[in-house]
């Protein structure tokens, strides 16, 4: 079962640590998450922490909707460009109701294709053929693991779509790199609010979740979306517990079912996490979780991420720590 986790782990995943006030959370985001990735968002988060009007607006939101990555993405969605403190303050002053409504409606569905690069070595260890089931799949971009190509510090692996992007990933430790792509014979996703790669509004929202200053992510998203339009993924509208068995029943019986997710469990309560863990176990599936450290417990909980800043822990079957990973898939440090 998934047990309780530290508030800091939740903060690493969602951008909101319930043990801190709003200003402290935004300073934490600037220092630990945006620094080195997005100077514009680091500056904006620091400015928000000092702005009484913006902080007062954030206090009107549900606690789970105050995280910087969601608020900044919605501001970008409404403005048509990344916000700075001046434009964000103007949104709060002039369009507070619209901003509030959109923040409550939207979710941080960061569908970063590069996460496939940190999942692939774990998937390749599983006896195939594989049936992939991703919960919190958004637009399904990380269901297309075998379509993309990969560059692991010069170790190349060619995907099945020659036009798909090549995902580069830096390695630490004895990563078990595959020589061949695993055989995927079935794939499906589940999401409360699936995104359609052919819908302009959904695509715009995905683009707003990319942080300014990360042009490589913008280019990768565009290429991954084009790949998804060539090979439309199936993403079912549903709940990660209530609809898991129904969707899993569609997988071929002669394939190994792999249930996986990235940055999902921190957004649901403890009871639901436990129910999800039990449901996956009852399916007899291989379970790969790519979440903030501490979200899913492991046998050795003393291991620490090798790099400063935000990181995820890649855990198999709810107990074995395989690796620490970059939340956006740019590096992988193998521990198993």
Protein backbone atom coordinates (compact mmCIF):
# COMPACT_ATOMS: atom_id res chain seq x y z
CA UNK A 1 0.00 0.00 0.00
CA UNK A 2 1.03 3.60 -0.49
CA UNK A 3 1.65 5.21 2.87
CA UNK A 4 1.73 8.87 3.90
CA UNK A 5 4.37 11.08 2.37
CA UNK A 6 6.14 14.23 3.44
CA UNK A 7 4.68 17.60 2.56
CA UNK A 8 7.94 18.48 0.84
CA UNK A 9 7.47 15.64 -1.62
CA UNK A 10 4.02 16.94 -2.44
CA UNK A 11 5.50 20.38 -2.98
CA UNK A 12 8.10 18.99 -5.34
CA UNK A 13 5.36 17.46 -7.44
CA UNK A 14 2.67 20.12 -7.45
CA UNK A 15 4.49 23.34 -6.73
CA UNK A 16 2.52 23.70 -3.49
CA UNK A 17 3.71 22.57 -0.08
CA UNK A 18 0.77 22.78 2.36
CA UNK A 19 3.14 23.42 5.25
CA UNK A 20 4.23 26.74 3.68
CA UNK A 21 2.32 29.93 3.01
CA UNK A 22 1.72 31.24 -0.51
CA UNK A 23 4.71 33.58 -0.60
CA UNK A 24 7.04 30.87 0.68
CA UNK A 25 5.73 28.41 -1.92
CA UNK A 26 6.40 30.84 -4.73
CA UNK A 27 9.90 31.58 -3.45
CA UNK A 28 10.49 27.83 -3.22
CA UNK A 29 9.31 27.35 -6.79
CA UNK A 30 11.65 30.12 -7.96
CA UNK A 31 14.63 28.65 -6.14
CA UNK A 32 14.18 24.90 -6.60
CA UNK A 33 12.17 24.44 -9.79
CA UNK A 34 12.39 27.46 -12.11
CA UNK A 35 16.01 28.44 -11.41
CA UNK A 36 18.22 27.15 -14.18
CA UNK A 37 15.21 26.20 -16.31
CA UNK A 38 13.18 29.35 -16.76
CA UNK A 39 14.69 32.64 -15.52
CA UNK A 40 11.46 34.41 -16.49
CA UNK A 41 9.36 32.20 -14.22
CA UNK A 42 11.95 32.36 -11.43
CA UNK A 43 11.74 36.16 -11.55
CA UNK A 44 7.95 36.11 -11.77
CA UNK A 45 7.59 33.74 -8.82
CA UNK A 46 9.84 35.90 -6.66
CA UNK A 47 7.81 38.96 -7.63
CA UNK A 48 4.51 37.23 -6.82
CA UNK A 49 5.80 36.43 -3.34
CA UNK A 50 6.22 40.17 -2.73
CA UNK A 51 2.98 41.33 -4.37
CA UNK A 52 0.13 41.80 -1.90
CA UNK A 53 -2.60 42.04 -4.58
CA UNK A 54 -1.60 38.83 -6.38
CA UNK A 55 -1.15 36.92 -3.12
CA UNK A 56 -4.58 38.12 -1.97
CA UNK A 57 -6.08 36.78 -5.22
CA UNK A 58 -4.33 33.43 -4.79
CA UNK A 59 -5.86 33.10 -1.34
CA UNK A 60 -9.31 33.01 -2.99
CA UNK A 61 -8.37 29.80 -4.83
CA UNK A 62 -8.65 26.26 -3.48
CA UNK A 63 -5.34 25.20 -1.94
CA UNK A 64 -4.71 22.68 -4.71
CA UNK A 65 -5.09 25.37 -7.38
CA UNK A 66 -2.48 27.82 -6.09
CA UNK A 67 0.60 26.19 -7.58
CA UNK A 68 2.79 28.48 -9.71
CA UNK A 69 2.95 26.22 -12.78
CA UNK A 70 -0.85 26.17 -13.06
CA UNK A 71 -1.38 29.87 -12.33
CA UNK A 72 1.35 30.95 -14.74
CA UNK A 73 0.08 28.62 -17.48
CA UNK A 74 -3.46 29.99 -17.18
CA UNK A 75 -2.13 33.55 -17.28
CA UNK A 76 -0.26 32.68 -20.48
CA UNK A 77 -3.42 31.08 -21.88
CA UNK A 78 -5.41 34.27 -21.29
CA UNK A 79 -2.69 36.74 -22.30
CA UNK A 80 -1.39 34.88 -25.34
CA UNK A 81 2.16 35.24 -23.99
CA UNK A 82 4.06 34.41 -20.79
CA UNK A 83 3.16 36.73 -17.96
CA UNK A 84 5.43 39.09 -16.08
CA UNK A 85 4.46 40.63 -12.77
CA UNK A 86 2.94 43.69 -14.46
CA UNK A 87 0.66 41.72 -16.76
CA UNK A 88 -0.23 39.22 -14.01
CA UNK A 89 -1.13 42.06 -11.67
CA UNK A 90 -3.30 43.55 -14.43
CA UNK A 91 -5.08 40.21 -14.89
CA UNK A 92 -5.82 40.07 -11.19
CA UNK A 93 -7.10 43.64 -11.17
CA UNK A 94 -9.11 43.61 -14.41
CA UNK A 95 -10.04 39.98 -15.15
CA UNK A 96 -10.06 38.31 -11.74
CA UNK A 97 -13.29 36.37 -12.33
CA UNK A 98 -12.07 35.00 -15.67
CA UNK A 99 -8.67 34.13 -14.22
CA UNK A 100 -10.29 32.43 -11.23
CA UNK A 101 -12.65 30.42 -13.44
CA UNK A 102 -9.89 29.24 -15.77
CA UNK A 103 -7.60 28.22 -12.91
CA UNK A 104 -10.38 26.20 -11.32
CA UNK A 105 -11.23 24.61 -14.69
CA UNK A 106 -7.71 23.80 -15.86
CA UNK A 107 -5.23 21.16 -14.68
CA UNK A 108 -1.48 20.87 -15.00
CA UNK A 109 -1.54 18.32 -17.81
CA UNK A 110 2.12 18.70 -18.67
CA UNK A 111 2.36 16.03 -21.36
CA UNK A 112 6.15 16.07 -21.74
CA UNK A 113 7.16 13.56 -24.41
CA UNK A 114 10.76 13.48 -23.13
CA UNK A 115 9.58 11.54 -20.09
CA UNK A 116 9.50 8.56 -22.45
CA UNK A 117 13.30 8.64 -22.37
CA UNK A 118 13.38 7.87 -18.64
CA UNK A 119 10.59 5.30 -18.87
CA UNK A 120 12.03 3.33 -21.80
CA UNK A 121 14.87 1.51 -19.95
CA UNK A 122 12.36 0.32 -17.34
CA UNK A 123 9.87 -0.78 -20.01
CA UNK A 124 12.59 -2.62 -21.92
CA UNK A 125 13.28 -4.80 -18.84
CA UNK A 126 9.73 -6.16 -18.94
CA UNK A 127 9.08 -9.32 -20.92
CA UNK A 128 7.09 -8.45 -24.03
CA UNK A 129 5.03 -8.01 -25.97
CA UNK A 130 3.77 -5.04 -23.97
CA UNK A 131 0.32 -3.57 -23.42
CA UNK A 132 0.74 -0.01 -22.14
CA UNK A 133 -1.86 1.65 -19.93
CA UNK A 134 -1.07 5.16 -18.72
CA UNK A 135 -3.18 6.93 -16.11
CA UNK A 136 -3.24 10.71 -16.25
CA UNK A 137 -2.37 10.43 -19.92
CA UNK A 138 -3.55 13.94 -20.99
CA UNK A 139 -3.14 13.91 -24.79
CA UNK A 140 -1.36 10.54 -24.83
CA UNK A 141 2.07 11.79 -25.92
CA UNK A 142 3.87 9.52 -23.46
CA UNK A 143 1.99 6.50 -24.75
CA UNK A 144 4.05 6.64 -27.94
CA UNK A 145 7.30 5.37 -26.45
CA UNK A 146 8.22 3.19 -29.42
CA UNK A 147 7.49 5.84 -32.06
CA UNK A 148 10.16 8.25 -30.80
CA UNK A 149 13.91 7.84 -31.30
CA UNK A 150 16.44 8.28 -28.48
CA UNK A 151 19.94 9.57 -27.87
CA UNK A 152 21.37 8.38 -24.55
CA UNK A 153 24.76 10.09 -24.44
CA UNK A 154 25.54 8.75 -27.90
CA UNK A 155 23.69 5.43 -27.61
CA UNK A 156 21.04 5.72 -30.30
CA UNK A 157 17.79 3.84 -30.52
CA UNK A 158 15.58 4.29 -33.55
CA UNK A 159 11.83 4.48 -33.19
CA UNK A 160 9.21 3.27 -35.63
CA UNK A 161 8.30 6.75 -36.92
CA UNK A 162 11.18 8.33 -38.83
CA UNK A 163 9.52 11.74 -38.56
CA UNK A 164 9.12 11.61 -34.78
CA UNK A 165 11.52 13.62 -32.60
CA UNK A 166 14.71 12.20 -31.14
CA UNK A 167 14.67 12.49 -27.34
CA UNK A 168 18.06 13.18 -25.74
CA UNK A 169 18.71 12.05 -22.17
CA UNK A 170 21.87 12.32 -20.01
CA UNK A 171 22.76 9.24 -17.99
CA UNK A 172 24.19 8.55 -14.55
CA UNK A 173 24.91 5.07 -13.25
CA UNK A 174 24.49 1.64 -14.87
CA UNK A 175 21.38 2.37 -16.91
CA UNK A 176 20.24 -0.85 -18.65
CA UNK A 177 19.95 0.60 -22.12
CA UNK A 178 18.11 -1.62 -24.59
CA UNK A 179 19.58 -2.55 -27.94
CA UNK A 180 16.14 -2.83 -29.50
CA UNK A 181 12.81 -1.12 -28.99
CA UNK A 182 10.34 -3.14 -26.90
CA UNK A 183 7.39 -4.52 -28.83
CA UNK A 184 4.21 -2.60 -28.00
CA UNK A 185 1.06 -4.32 -29.23
CA UNK A 186 -1.58 -2.24 -27.44
CA UNK A 187 -1.75 1.13 -25.73
CA UNK A 188 -4.41 3.21 -24.03
CA UNK A 189 -4.66 6.04 -21.55
CA UNK A 190 -7.08 7.22 -18.89
CA UNK A 191 -7.61 10.85 -17.95
CA UNK A 192 -10.35 12.77 -16.19
CA UNK A 193 -10.18 15.38 -18.95
CA UNK A 194 -8.44 13.95 -22.03
CA UNK A 195 -6.81 16.39 -24.43
CA UNK A 196 -7.30 16.05 -28.18
CA UNK A 197 -4.19 16.56 -30.32
CA UNK A 198 -6.48 17.74 -33.11
CA UNK A 199 -8.24 20.39 -31.01
CA UNK A 200 -6.74 23.88 -31.23
CA UNK A 201 -7.77 24.87 -27.70
CA UNK A 202 -6.27 21.72 -26.18
CA UNK A 203 -3.04 22.16 -28.14
CA UNK A 204 -2.85 25.79 -27.03
CA UNK A 205 -3.24 24.71 -23.40
CA UNK A 206 -0.43 22.18 -23.77
CA UNK A 207 1.82 24.89 -25.22
CA UNK A 208 1.00 27.19 -22.28
CA UNK A 209 2.32 24.54 -19.87
CA UNK A 210 5.81 24.90 -21.39
CA UNK A 211 7.92 27.33 -19.38
CA UNK A 212 9.38 30.38 -21.18
CA UNK A 213 13.06 30.03 -21.96
CA UNK A 214 12.75 26.32 -22.79
CA UNK A 215 12.65 26.52 -26.58
CA UNK A 216 13.71 22.88 -26.84
CA UNK A 217 10.53 21.84 -25.04
CA UNK A 218 8.40 23.98 -27.37
CA UNK A 219 9.99 22.36 -30.42
CA UNK A 220 9.67 18.88 -28.90
CA UNK A 221 6.00 19.43 -28.08
CA UNK A 222 5.25 20.50 -31.64
CA UNK A 223 7.04 17.45 -33.06
CA UNK A 224 5.37 15.09 -30.57
CA UNK A 225 1.94 16.51 -31.38
CA UNK A 226 2.60 15.97 -35.08
CA UNK A 227 3.57 12.37 -34.30
CA UNK A 228 0.39 11.90 -32.30
CA UNK A 229 -1.70 13.21 -35.16
CA UNK A 230 -0.13 10.57 -37.41
CA UNK A 231 -0.75 7.85 -34.80
CA UNK A 232 -3.73 9.05 -32.72
CA UNK A 233 -3.47 7.59 -29.19
CA UNK A 234 -6.56 6.28 -27.45
CA UNK A 235 -7.21 8.16 -24.21
CA UNK A 236 -10.39 7.24 -22.35
CA UNK A 237 -12.24 9.75 -20.22
CA UNK A 238 -12.27 8.19 -16.79
CA UNK A 239 -10.93 7.82 -13.28
CA UNK A 240 -7.63 6.14 -12.45
CA UNK A 241 -9.38 3.79 -9.98
CA UNK A 242 -12.97 3.53 -11.14
CA UNK A 243 -12.14 2.92 -14.80
CA UNK A 244 -8.82 1.10 -14.54
CA UNK A 245 -10.19 -2.44 -14.73
CA UNK A 246 -12.59 -1.59 -17.56
CA UNK A 247 -9.86 -0.16 -19.76
CA UNK A 248 -7.32 -2.83 -18.80
CA UNK A 249 -9.79 -5.53 -19.89
CA UNK A 250 -9.31 -4.39 -23.48
CA UNK A 251 -5.60 -5.28 -23.46
CA UNK A 252 -4.54 -8.49 -25.27
CA UNK A 253 -4.35 -11.39 -22.84
CA UNK A 254 -1.06 -12.64 -24.28
CA UNK A 255 0.72 -9.30 -23.64
CA UNK A 256 2.29 -8.07 -20.41
CA UNK A 257 0.19 -5.24 -19.04
CA UNK A 258 2.23 -2.25 -17.80
CA UNK A 259 0.40 0.45 -15.85
CA UNK A 260 2.39 3.65 -15.51
CA UNK A 261 2.13 7.35 -14.74
CA UNK A 262 4.17 10.52 -14.26
CA UNK A 263 3.25 13.38 -11.91
CA UNK A 264 -0.24 12.03 -11.16
CA UNK A 265 -0.54 10.55 -7.66
CA UNK A 266 0.41 13.76 -5.85
CA UNK A 267 -2.85 15.25 -7.09
CA UNK A 268 -5.10 12.63 -5.48
CA UNK A 269 -5.77 11.87 -1.83
CA UNK A 270 -4.20 9.13 0.23
CA UNK A 271 -7.28 6.89 0.17
CA UNK A 272 -7.40 6.99 -3.61
CA UNK A 273 -3.68 6.29 -3.90
CA UNK A 274 -4.11 3.19 -1.77
CA UNK A 275 -7.12 2.08 -3.84
CA UNK A 276 -5.13 2.58 -7.04
CA UNK A 277 -2.19 0.54 -5.73
CA UNK A 278 -4.55 -2.28 -4.78
CA UNK A 279 -6.29 -2.19 -8.16
CA UNK A 280 -2.99 -2.41 -10.07
CA UNK A 281 -1.85 -5.28 -7.85
CA UNK A 282 -5.12 -7.14 -8.43
CA UNK A 283 -4.65 -6.78 -12.20
CA UNK A 284 -1.29 -8.55 -11.96
CA UNK A 285 0.23 -5.70 -13.98
CA UNK A 286 3.75 -4.34 -13.89
CA UNK A 287 3.50 -0.92 -12.23
CA UNK A 288 5.89 1.92 -13.04
CA UNK A 289 5.46 5.18 -11.14
CA UNK A 290 7.45 8.31 -12.03
CA UNK A 291 6.57 10.66 -9.18
CA UNK A 292 8.15 12.94 -6.59
CA UNK A 293 10.38 11.17 -4.06
CA UNK A 294 8.27 9.80 -1.23
CA UNK A 295 4.99 9.72 -3.13
CA UNK A 296 5.36 5.96 -3.60
CA UNK A 297 7.32 4.20 -0.82
CA UNK A 298 10.34 2.04 -1.57
CA UNK A 299 12.31 -0.55 0.35
CA UNK A 300 15.30 1.77 0.76
CA UNK A 301 13.92 5.19 1.49
CA UNK A 302 17.32 6.66 2.41
CA UNK A 303 18.47 7.13 -1.19
CA UNK A 304 18.73 10.77 -2.24
CA UNK A 305 18.48 12.31 -5.71
CA UNK A 306 21.93 12.86 -7.22
CA UNK A 307 21.15 16.37 -8.49
CA UNK A 308 19.84 19.46 -6.79
CA UNK A 309 16.46 20.89 -7.69
CA UNK A 310 13.34 18.96 -8.53
CA UNK A 311 13.46 15.26 -9.36
CA UNK A 312 11.16 12.26 -9.68
CA UNK A 313 11.64 8.73 -8.41
CA UNK A 314 11.01 5.90 -10.87
CA UNK A 315 9.60 3.02 -8.82
CA UNK A 316 8.52 -0.45 -9.96
CA UNK A 317 5.60 -2.31 -8.39
CA UNK A 318 5.28 0.21 -5.58
CA UNK A 319 8.45 -0.84 -3.76
CA UNK A 320 11.63 -1.01 -5.90
CA UNK A 321 13.45 2.24 -6.63
CA UNK A 322 14.83 1.97 -10.15
CA UNK A 323 16.10 5.50 -10.74
CA UNK A 324 15.85 9.19 -10.08
CA UNK A 325 14.71 11.17 -13.10
CA UNK A 326 14.41 14.71 -14.33
CA UNK A 327 10.75 15.82 -14.24
CA UNK A 328 11.03 16.85 -17.89
CA UNK A 329 12.99 13.75 -18.94
CA UNK A 330 16.39 15.31 -19.65
CA UNK A 331 18.43 13.06 -17.31
CA UNK A 332 18.23 9.64 -15.72
CA UNK A 333 20.21 8.36 -12.73
CA UNK A 334 19.86 4.60 -12.33
CA UNK A 335 19.79 3.17 -8.81
CA UNK A 336 18.57 -0.43 -9.21
